Amino acid sequence: QDAHDFQHGFGGEVMDFENARRLLRDAHSHS
C-alpha cells in the first residue's frame, strides 16, 4: 500500500522483487 501511495504522488510502476529483477536485468542487458 505504501508503494502504491508513493506511486500515486510520484509516478513509476509498482513491482514485486522478481519483476523488478527482471526489468533491471533486461534494461542493463540492452544497454
ModelCIF file with pLDDT and N, C-alpha, C, O atoms, coordinates in Angstrom:
data_MODEL
#
_entry.id   MODEL 
#
_entity.id                         1 
_entity.type                       polymer 
_entity.pdbx_number_of_molecules   1 
#
_entity_poly.entity_id                      1 
_entity_poly.type                           'polypeptide(L)' 
_entity_poly.nstd_linkage                   no 
_entity_poly.nstd_monomer                   no 
_entity_poly.pdbx_seq_one_letter_code       QDAHDFQHGFGGEVMDFENARRLLRDAHSHS 
_entity_poly.pdbx_seq_one_letter_code_can   QDAHDFQHGFGGEVMDFENARRLLRDAHSHS 
_entity_poly.pdbx_strand_id                 A 
#
loop_
_entity_poly_seq.entity_id 
_entity_poly_seq.num 
_entity_poly_seq.mon_id 
_entity_poly_seq.hetero 
1 1  GLN n 
1 2  ASP n 
1 3  ALA n 
1 4  HIS n 
1 5  ASP n 
1 6  PHE n 
1 7  GLN n 
1 8  HIS n 
1 9  GLY n 
1 10 PHE n 
1 11 GLY n 
1 12 GLY n 
1 13 GLU n 
1 14 VAL n 
1 15 MET n 
1 16 ASP n 
1 17 PHE n 
1 18 GLU n 
1 19 ASN n 
1 20 ALA n 
1 21 ARG n 
1 22 ARG n 
1 23 LEU n 
1 24 LEU n 
1 25 ARG n 
1 26 ASP n 
1 27 ALA n 
1 28 HIS n 
1 29 SER n 
1 30 HIS n 
1 31 SER n 
#
_struct_asym.id          A 
_struct_asym.entity_id   1 
#
loop_
_ma_qa_metric.id 
_ma_qa_metric.mode 
_ma_qa_metric.name 
_ma_qa_metric.software_group_id 
_ma_qa_metric.type 
1 global pLDDT . pLDDT 
2 local  pLDDT . pLDDT 
#
_ma_qa_metric_global.metric_id      1 
_ma_qa_metric_global.metric_value   92.94 
_ma_qa_metric_global.model_id       1 
_ma_qa_metric_global.ordinal_id     1 
#
loop_
_ma_qa_metric_local.label_asym_id 
_ma_qa_metric_local.label_comp_id 
_ma_qa_metric_local.label_seq_id 
_ma_qa_metric_local.metric_id 
_ma_qa_metric_local.metric_value 
_ma_qa_metric_local.model_id 
_ma_qa_metric_local.ordinal_id 
A GLN 1  2 98.00 1 1  
A ASP 2  2 98.00 1 2  
A ALA 3  2 98.00 1 3  
A HIS 4  2 98.00 1 4  
A ASP 5  2 98.00 1 5  
A PHE 6  2 98.00 1 6  
A GLN 7  2 98.00 1 7  
A HIS 8  2 98.00 1 8  
A GLY 9  2 97.00 1 9  
A PHE 10 2 97.00 1 10 
A GLY 11 2 97.00 1 11 
A GLY 12 2 97.00 1 12 
A GLU 13 2 97.00 1 13 
A VAL 14 2 98.00 1 14 
A MET 15 2 98.00 1 15 
A ASP 16 2 97.00 1 16 
A PHE 17 2 95.00 1 17 
A GLU 18 2 94.00 1 18 
A ASN 19 2 97.00 1 19 
A ALA 20 2 96.00 1 20 
A ARG 21 2 94.00 1 21 
A ARG 22 2 95.00 1 22 
A LEU 23 2 94.00 1 23 
A LEU 24 2 94.00 1 24 
A ARG 25 2 92.00 1 25 
A ASP 26 2 91.00 1 26 
A ALA 27 2 87.00 1 27 
A HIS 28 2 83.00 1 28 
A SER 29 2 82.00 1 29 
A HIS 30 2 67.00 1 30 
A SER 31 2 58.00 1 31 
#
loop_
_atom_site.group_PDB 
_atom_site.id 
_atom_site.type_symbol 
_atom_site.label_atom_id 
_atom_site.label_alt_id 
_atom_site.label_comp_id 
_atom_site.label_asym_id 
_atom_site.label_entity_id 
_atom_site.label_seq_id 
_atom_site.pdbx_PDB_ins_code 
_atom_site.Cartn_x 
_atom_site.Cartn_y 
_atom_site.Cartn_z 
_atom_site.occupancy 
_atom_site.B_iso_or_equiv 
_atom_site.pdbx_formal_charge 
_atom_site.auth_seq_id 
_atom_site.auth_comp_id 
_atom_site.auth_asym_id 
_atom_site.auth_atom_id 
_atom_site.pdbx_PDB_model_num 
ATOM 1   N N  . GLN A 1 1  ? 0.830  -1.207  0.000   1.00 98.00 ? 1  GLN A N  1 
ATOM 2   C CA . GLN A 1 1  ? 0.000  0.000   0.000   1.00 98.00 ? 1  GLN A CA 1 
ATOM 3   C C  . GLN A 1 1  ? 0.863  1.254   0.000   1.00 98.00 ? 1  GLN A C  1 
ATOM 4   O O  . GLN A 1 1  ? 0.537  2.227   -0.681  1.00 98.00 ? 1  GLN A O  1 
ATOM 5   N N  . ASP A 1 2  ? 1.961  1.245   0.756   1.00 98.00 ? 2  ASP A N  1 
ATOM 6   C CA . ASP A 1 2  ? 2.869  2.393   0.751   1.00 98.00 ? 2  ASP A CA 1 
ATOM 7   C C  . ASP A 1 2  ? 3.460  2.610   -0.640  1.00 98.00 ? 2  ASP A C  1 
ATOM 8   O O  . ASP A 1 2  ? 3.602  3.750   -1.082  1.00 98.00 ? 2  ASP A O  1 
ATOM 9   N N  . ALA A 1 3  ? 3.803  1.527   -1.329  1.00 98.00 ? 3  ALA A N  1 
ATOM 10  C CA . ALA A 1 3  ? 4.348  1.635   -2.688  1.00 98.00 ? 3  ALA A CA 1 
ATOM 11  C C  . ALA A 1 3  ? 3.319  2.270   -3.619  1.00 98.00 ? 3  ALA A C  1 
ATOM 12  O O  . ALA A 1 3  ? 3.660  3.137   -4.423  1.00 98.00 ? 3  ALA A O  1 
ATOM 13  N N  . HIS A 1 4  ? 2.067  1.843   -3.512  1.00 98.00 ? 4  HIS A N  1 
ATOM 14  C CA . HIS A 1 4  ? 1.015  2.411   -4.363  1.00 98.00 ? 4  HIS A CA 1 
ATOM 15  C C  . HIS A 1 4  ? 0.757  3.880   -4.023  1.00 98.00 ? 4  HIS A C  1 
ATOM 16  O O  . HIS A 1 4  ? 0.535  4.694   -4.920  1.00 98.00 ? 4  HIS A O  1 
ATOM 17  N N  . ASP A 1 5  ? 0.786  4.217   -2.746  1.00 98.00 ? 5  ASP A N  1 
ATOM 18  C CA . ASP A 1 5  ? 0.598  5.609   -2.345  1.00 98.00 ? 5  ASP A CA 1 
ATOM 19  C C  . ASP A 1 5  ? 1.722  6.484   -2.898  1.00 98.00 ? 5  ASP A C  1 
ATOM 20  O O  . ASP A 1 5  ? 1.471  7.583   -3.391  1.00 98.00 ? 5  ASP A O  1 
ATOM 21  N N  . PHE A 1 6  ? 2.951  5.998   -2.815  1.00 98.00 ? 6  PHE A N  1 
ATOM 22  C CA . PHE A 1 6  ? 4.099  6.729   -3.363  1.00 98.00 ? 6  PHE A CA 1 
ATOM 23  C C  . PHE A 1 6  ? 3.951  6.878   -4.877  1.00 98.00 ? 6  PHE A C  1 
ATOM 24  O O  . PHE A 1 6  ? 4.185  7.955   -5.425  1.00 98.00 ? 6  PHE A O  1 
ATOM 25  N N  . GLN A 1 7  ? 3.570  5.813   -5.537  1.00 98.00 ? 7  GLN A N  1 
ATOM 26  C CA . GLN A 1 7  ? 3.367  5.840   -6.983  1.00 98.00 ? 7  GLN A CA 1 
ATOM 27  C C  . GLN A 1 7  ? 2.326  6.891   -7.365  1.00 98.00 ? 7  GLN A C  1 
ATOM 28  O O  . GLN A 1 7  ? 2.489  7.603   -8.355  1.00 98.00 ? 7  GLN A O  1 
ATOM 29  N N  . HIS A 1 8  ? 1.272  6.981   -6.585  1.00 98.00 ? 8  HIS A N  1 
ATOM 30  C CA . HIS A 1 8  ? 0.212  7.957   -6.865  1.00 98.00 ? 8  HIS A CA 1 
ATOM 31  C C  . HIS A 1 8  ? 0.766  9.384   -6.882  1.00 98.00 ? 8  HIS A C  1 
ATOM 32  O O  . HIS A 1 8  ? 0.335  10.209  -7.687  1.00 98.00 ? 8  HIS A O  1 
ATOM 33  N N  . GLY A 1 9  ? 1.704  9.666   -6.008  1.00 97.00 ? 9  GLY A N  1 
ATOM 34  C CA . GLY A 1 9  ? 2.271  11.008  -5.929  1.00 97.00 ? 9  GLY A CA 1 
ATOM 35  C C  . GLY A 1 9  ? 3.445  11.262  -6.851  1.00 97.00 ? 9  GLY A C  1 
ATOM 36  O O  . GLY A 1 9  ? 3.651  12.392  -7.294  1.00 97.00 ? 9  GLY A O  1 
ATOM 37  N N  . PHE A 1 10 ? 4.224  10.218  -7.149  1.00 97.00 ? 10 PHE A N  1 
ATOM 38  C CA . PHE A 1 10 ? 5.479  10.431  -7.867  1.00 97.00 ? 10 PHE A CA 1 
ATOM 39  C C  . PHE A 1 10 ? 5.633  9.596   -9.133  1.00 97.00 ? 10 PHE A C  1 
ATOM 40  O O  . PHE A 1 10 ? 6.688  9.626   -9.767  1.00 97.00 ? 10 PHE A O  1 
ATOM 41  N N  . GLY A 1 11 ? 4.605  8.859   -9.505  1.00 97.00 ? 11 GLY A N  1 
ATOM 42  C CA . GLY A 1 11 ? 4.661  8.063   -10.727 1.00 97.00 ? 11 GLY A CA 1 
ATOM 43  C C  . GLY A 1 11 ? 5.483  6.803   -10.547 1.00 97.00 ? 11 GLY A C  1 
ATOM 44  O O  . GLY A 1 11 ? 5.842  6.430   -9.431  1.00 97.00 ? 11 GLY A O  1 
ATOM 45  N N  . GLY A 1 12 ? 5.772  6.161   -11.652 1.00 97.00 ? 12 GLY A N  1 
ATOM 46  C CA . GLY A 1 12 ? 6.527  4.925   -11.633 1.00 97.00 ? 12 GLY A CA 1 
ATOM 47  C C  . GLY A 1 12 ? 5.613  3.717   -11.705 1.00 97.00 ? 12 GLY A C  1 
ATOM 48  O O  . GLY A 1 12 ? 4.402  3.841   -11.891 1.00 97.00 ? 12 GLY A O  1 
ATOM 49  N N  . GLU A 1 13 ? 6.208  2.563   -11.556 1.00 97.00 ? 13 GLU A N  1 
ATOM 50  C CA . GLU A 1 13 ? 5.471  1.302   -11.637 1.00 97.00 ? 13 GLU A CA 1 
ATOM 51  C C  . GLU A 1 13 ? 5.768  0.466   -10.402 1.00 97.00 ? 13 GLU A C  1 
ATOM 52  O O  . GLU A 1 13 ? 6.929  0.309   -10.024 1.00 97.00 ? 13 GLU A O  1 
ATOM 53  N N  . VAL A 1 14 ? 4.735  -0.070  -9.772  1.00 98.00 ? 14 VAL A N  1 
ATOM 54  C CA . VAL A 1 14 ? 4.893  -0.920  -8.589  1.00 98.00 ? 14 VAL A CA 1 
ATOM 55  C C  . VAL A 1 14 ? 5.165  -2.344  -9.051  1.00 98.00 ? 14 VAL A C  1 
ATOM 56  O O  . VAL A 1 14 ? 4.466  -2.876  -9.913  1.00 98.00 ? 14 VAL A O  1 
ATOM 57  N N  . MET A 1 15 ? 6.200  -2.960  -8.460  1.00 98.00 ? 15 MET A N  1 
ATOM 58  C CA . MET A 1 15 ? 6.577  -4.326  -8.820  1.00 98.00 ? 15 MET A CA 1 
ATOM 59  C C  . MET A 1 15 ? 7.009  -5.106  -7.590  1.00 98.00 ? 15 MET A C  1 
ATOM 60  O O  . MET A 1 15 ? 7.438  -4.533  -6.588  1.00 98.00 ? 15 MET A O  1 
ATOM 61  N N  . ASP A 1 16 ? 6.887  -6.429  -7.686  1.00 97.00 ? 16 ASP A N  1 
ATOM 62  C CA . ASP A 1 16 ? 7.480  -7.296  -6.678  1.00 97.00 ? 16 ASP A CA 1 
ATOM 63  C C  . ASP A 1 16 ? 8.949  -7.523  -7.049  1.00 97.00 ? 16 ASP A C  1 
ATOM 64  O O  . ASP A 1 16 ? 9.417  -7.035  -8.078  1.00 97.00 ? 16 ASP A O  1 
ATOM 65  N N  . PHE A 1 17 ? 9.668  -8.265  -6.206  1.00 95.00 ? 17 PHE A N  1 
ATOM 66  C CA . PHE A 1 17 ? 11.098 -8.466  -6.422  1.00 95.00 ? 17 PHE A CA 1 
ATOM 67  C C  . PHE A 1 17 ? 11.398 -9.121  -7.766  1.00 95.00 ? 17 PHE A C  1 
ATOM 68  O O  . PHE A 1 17 ? 12.265 -8.649  -8.502  1.00 95.00 ? 17 PHE A O  1 
ATOM 69  N N  . GLU A 1 18 ? 10.700 -10.192 -8.091  1.00 94.00 ? 18 GLU A N  1 
ATOM 70  C CA . GLU A 1 18 ? 11.003 -10.917 -9.328  1.00 94.00 ? 18 GLU A CA 1 
ATOM 71  C C  . GLU A 1 18 ? 10.821 -10.042 -10.565 1.00 94.00 ? 18 GLU A C  1 
ATOM 72  O O  . GLU A 1 18 ? 11.642 -10.084 -11.481 1.00 94.00 ? 18 GLU A O  1 
ATOM 73  N N  . ASN A 1 19 ? 9.753  -9.253  -10.597 1.00 97.00 ? 19 ASN A N  1 
ATOM 74  C CA . ASN A 1 19 ? 9.533  -8.378  -11.745 1.00 97.00 ? 19 ASN A CA 1 
ATOM 75  C C  . ASN A 1 19 ? 10.543 -7.232  -11.786 1.00 97.00 ? 19 ASN A C  1 
ATOM 76  O O  . ASN A 1 19 ? 10.986 -6.839  -12.866 1.00 97.00 ? 19 ASN A O  1 
ATOM 77  N N  . ALA A 1 20 ? 10.908 -6.697  -10.632 1.00 96.00 ? 20 ALA A N  1 
ATOM 78  C CA . ALA A 1 20 ? 11.930 -5.647  -10.588 1.00 96.00 ? 20 ALA A CA 1 
ATOM 79  C C  . ALA A 1 20 ? 13.271 -6.203  -11.052 1.00 96.00 ? 20 ALA A C  1 
ATOM 80  O O  . ALA A 1 20 ? 13.988 -5.552  -11.812 1.00 96.00 ? 20 ALA A O  1 
ATOM 81  N N  . ARG A 1 21 ? 13.607 -7.400  -10.596 1.00 94.00 ? 21 ARG A N  1 
ATOM 82  C CA . ARG A 1 21 ? 14.866 -8.047  -11.007 1.00 94.00 ? 21 ARG A CA 1 
ATOM 83  C C  . ARG A 1 21 ? 14.881 -8.254  -12.515 1.00 94.00 ? 21 ARG A C  1 
ATOM 84  O O  . ARG A 1 21 ? 15.881 -7.968  -13.174 1.00 94.00 ? 21 ARG A O  1 
ATOM 85  N N  . ARG A 1 22 ? 13.794 -8.741  -13.051 1.00 95.00 ? 22 ARG A N  1 
ATOM 86  C CA . ARG A 1 22 ? 13.696 -8.989  -14.494 1.00 95.00 ? 22 ARG A CA 1 
ATOM 87  C C  . ARG A 1 22 ? 13.835 -7.689  -15.287 1.00 95.00 ? 22 ARG A C  1 
ATOM 88  O O  . ARG A 1 22 ? 14.559 -7.636  -16.281 1.00 95.00 ? 22 ARG A O  1 
ATOM 89  N N  . LEU A 1 23 ? 13.142 -6.647  -14.843 1.00 94.00 ? 23 LEU A N  1 
ATOM 90  C CA . LEU A 1 23 ? 13.214 -5.363  -15.540 1.00 94.00 ? 23 LEU A CA 1 
ATOM 91  C C  . LEU A 1 23 ? 14.638 -4.813  -15.538 1.00 94.00 ? 23 LEU A C  1 
ATOM 92  O O  . LEU A 1 23 ? 15.124 -4.361  -16.575 1.00 94.00 ? 23 LEU A O  1 
ATOM 93  N N  . LEU A 1 24 ? 15.312 -4.843  -14.391 1.00 94.00 ? 24 LEU A N  1 
ATOM 94  C CA . LEU A 1 24 ? 16.679 -4.333  -14.325 1.00 94.00 ? 24 LEU A CA 1 
ATOM 95  C C  . LEU A 1 24 ? 17.637 -5.178  -15.146 1.00 94.00 ? 24 LEU A C  1 
ATOM 96  O O  . LEU A 1 24 ? 18.505 -4.645  -15.838 1.00 94.00 ? 24 LEU A O  1 
ATOM 97  N N  . ARG A 1 25 ? 17.484 -6.491  -15.073 1.00 92.00 ? 25 ARG A N  1 
ATOM 98  C CA . ARG A 1 25 ? 18.345 -7.369  -15.878 1.00 92.00 ? 25 ARG A CA 1 
ATOM 99  C C  . ARG A 1 25 ? 18.190 -7.053  -17.357 1.00 92.00 ? 25 ARG A C  1 
ATOM 100 O O  . ARG A 1 25 ? 19.180 -6.919  -18.077 1.00 92.00 ? 25 ARG A O  1 
ATOM 101 N N  . ASP A 1 26 ? 16.948 -6.935  -17.810 1.00 91.00 ? 26 ASP A N  1 
ATOM 102 C CA . ASP A 1 26 ? 16.695 -6.644  -19.221 1.00 91.00 ? 26 ASP A CA 1 
ATOM 103 C C  . ASP A 1 26 ? 17.187 -5.252  -19.602 1.00 91.00 ? 26 ASP A C  1 
ATOM 104 O O  . ASP A 1 26 ? 17.768 -5.069  -20.672 1.00 91.00 ? 26 ASP A O  1 
ATOM 105 N N  . ALA A 1 27 ? 16.958 -4.273  -18.732 1.00 87.00 ? 27 ALA A N  1 
ATOM 106 C CA . ALA A 1 27 ? 17.388 -2.896  -19.023 1.00 87.00 ? 27 ALA A CA 1 
ATOM 107 C C  . ALA A 1 27 ? 18.903 -2.812  -19.153 1.00 87.00 ? 27 ALA A C  1 
ATOM 108 O O  . ALA A 1 27 ? 19.418 -2.115  -20.026 1.00 87.00 ? 27 ALA A O  1 
ATOM 109 N N  . HIS A 1 28 ? 19.609 -3.518  -18.291 1.00 83.00 ? 28 HIS A N  1 
ATOM 110 C CA . HIS A 1 28 ? 21.075 -3.456  -18.347 1.00 83.00 ? 28 HIS A CA 1 
ATOM 111 C C  . HIS A 1 28 ? 21.646 -4.323  -19.453 1.00 83.00 ? 28 HIS A C  1 
ATOM 112 O O  . HIS A 1 28 ? 22.708 -4.009  -19.990 1.00 83.00 ? 28 HIS A O  1 
ATOM 113 N N  . SER A 1 29 ? 20.976 -5.391  -19.802 1.00 82.00 ? 29 SER A N  1 
ATOM 114 C CA . SER A 1 29 ? 21.483 -6.218  -20.906 1.00 82.00 ? 29 SER A CA 1 
ATOM 115 C C  . SER A 1 29 ? 21.309 -5.480  -22.228 1.00 82.00 ? 29 SER A C  1 
ATOM 116 O O  . SER A 1 29 ? 22.149 -5.607  -23.119 1.00 82.00 ? 29 SER A O  1 
ATOM 117 N N  . HIS A 1 30 ? 20.220 -4.703  -22.368 1.00 67.00 ? 30 HIS A N  1 
ATOM 118 C CA . HIS A 1 30 ? 20.008 -3.928  -23.598 1.00 67.00 ? 30 HIS A CA 1 
ATOM 119 C C  . HIS A 1 30 ? 20.954 -2.739  -23.680 1.00 67.00 ? 30 HIS A C  1 
ATOM 120 O O  . HIS A 1 30 ? 21.310 -2.308  -24.776 1.00 67.00 ? 30 HIS A O  1 
ATOM 121 N N  . SER A 1 31 ? 21.366 -2.203  -22.534 1.00 58.00 ? 31 SER A N  1 
ATOM 122 C CA . SER A 1 31 ? 22.262 -1.052  -22.551 1.00 58.00 ? 31 SER A CA 1 
ATOM 123 C C  . SER A 1 31 ? 23.672 -1.440  -22.986 1.00 58.00 ? 31 SER A C  1 
ATOM 124 O O  . SER A 1 31 ? 24.554 -0.585  -23.055 1.00 58.00 ? 31 SER A O  1 
#
